[in-house]
Amino acid sequence: MMAIRKNIKCLIGYSVQVVFQVELHKKDRAILELIKSTLGVGIITDKKTRATVNYTVSCIRDLKVVIAHFDKYPLITKK
């Protein structure tokens, strides 16, 4: 996901944020814990308004870890 946000600290008044995020049902939290422990980066947060849990990586340095992982182990899927 990529977001453009208003930011008065930036020269042009906006900043760009790139985020890797996986959202699963709360019953599958253990899967996100395994992903986090494997990659060694990111945070897990509960959504209070929904029955979901998110694994999020937003720091550029940490996103490089995620990208390197998928470069080394590409997904095998038809979706």
Protein backbone atom coordinates (compact mmCIF):
# COMPACT_ATOMS: atom_id res chain seq x y z
CA MET A 1 0.00 0.00 0.00
CA MET A 2 1.16 3.51 -0.69
CA ALA A 3 -0.29 6.61 0.95
CA ILE A 4 0.22 10.29 0.21
CA ARG A 5 -0.26 12.37 3.32
CA LYS A 6 -0.31 16.07 4.03
CA ASN A 7 2.86 16.93 5.98
CA ILE A 8 3.85 20.53 6.72
CA LYS A 9 7.40 19.43 7.57
CA CYS A 10 8.04 18.45 3.93
CA LEU A 11 9.14 20.98 1.33
CA ILE A 12 6.16 20.35 -0.96
CA GLY A 13 3.70 19.87 1.92
CA TYR A 14 3.14 16.15 1.35
CA SER A 15 4.92 12.91 2.16
CA VAL A 16 4.71 9.43 0.67
CA GLN A 17 4.53 6.38 2.91
CA VAL A 18 4.91 2.80 1.68
CA VAL A 19 3.45 0.03 3.84
CA PHE A 20 3.45 -3.78 3.64
CA GLN A 21 0.41 -5.13 5.48
CA VAL A 22 -1.27 -8.49 6.00
CA GLU A 23 -4.71 -8.66 7.64
CA LEU A 24 -6.15 -11.91 8.99
CA HIS A 25 -8.95 -13.00 11.30
CA LYS A 26 -8.04 -12.89 15.00
CA LYS A 27 -8.14 -16.69 15.17
CA ASP A 28 -5.16 -16.73 12.77
CA ARG A 29 -2.94 -14.40 14.85
CA ALA A 30 -0.37 -17.22 15.27
CA ILE A 31 0.32 -17.08 11.51
CA LEU A 32 1.17 -13.38 11.74
CA GLU A 33 3.36 -14.03 14.79
CA LEU A 34 5.26 -16.64 12.74
CA ILE A 35 5.71 -14.20 9.83
CA LYS A 36 6.97 -11.51 12.22
CA SER A 37 9.42 -13.86 13.92
CA THR A 38 10.68 -15.15 10.54
CA LEU A 39 11.28 -11.69 9.09
CA GLY A 40 12.33 -10.07 12.38
CA VAL A 41 10.58 -6.78 11.56
CA GLY A 42 7.15 -5.18 11.80
CA ILE A 43 4.36 -4.89 14.35
CA ILE A 44 1.11 -6.75 15.01
CA THR A 45 -1.99 -4.80 15.97
CA ASP A 46 -5.54 -5.81 16.83
CA LYS A 47 -8.42 -4.02 15.13
CA LYS A 48 -10.93 -3.15 17.86
CA THR A 49 -13.79 -2.46 15.46
CA ARG A 50 -13.32 -5.70 13.50
CA ALA A 51 -12.36 -9.27 14.26
CA THR A 52 -9.01 -8.90 12.50
CA VAL A 53 -5.31 -8.59 13.27
CA ASN A 54 -2.77 -6.71 11.13
CA TYR A 55 0.92 -7.31 10.56
CA THR A 56 2.46 -4.05 9.33
CA VAL A 57 5.91 -3.02 8.10
CA SER A 58 6.34 0.67 7.25
CA CYS A 59 9.97 1.59 7.94
CA ILE A 60 12.02 1.77 4.71
CA ARG A 61 14.88 -0.19 6.30
CA ASP A 62 12.47 -2.93 7.40
CA LEU A 63 10.69 -2.97 4.03
CA LYS A 64 14.03 -3.88 2.46
CA VAL A 65 14.00 -7.05 4.61
CA VAL A 66 10.52 -7.96 3.30
CA ILE A 67 11.50 -7.28 -0.31
CA ALA A 68 14.69 -9.36 0.04
CA HIS A 69 12.65 -12.24 1.47
CA PHE A 70 10.20 -12.24 -1.46
CA ASP A 71 13.07 -11.92 -3.95
CA LYS A 72 14.65 -15.02 -2.44
CA TYR A 73 11.36 -16.91 -1.91
CA PRO A 74 8.80 -15.75 -4.52
CA LEU A 75 5.14 -16.61 -3.97
CA ILE A 76 3.85 -19.57 -5.97
CA THR A 77 0.23 -18.70 -6.67
CA LYS A 78 -2.27 -18.22 -9.46
CA LYS A 79 -4.05 -15.25 -7.84
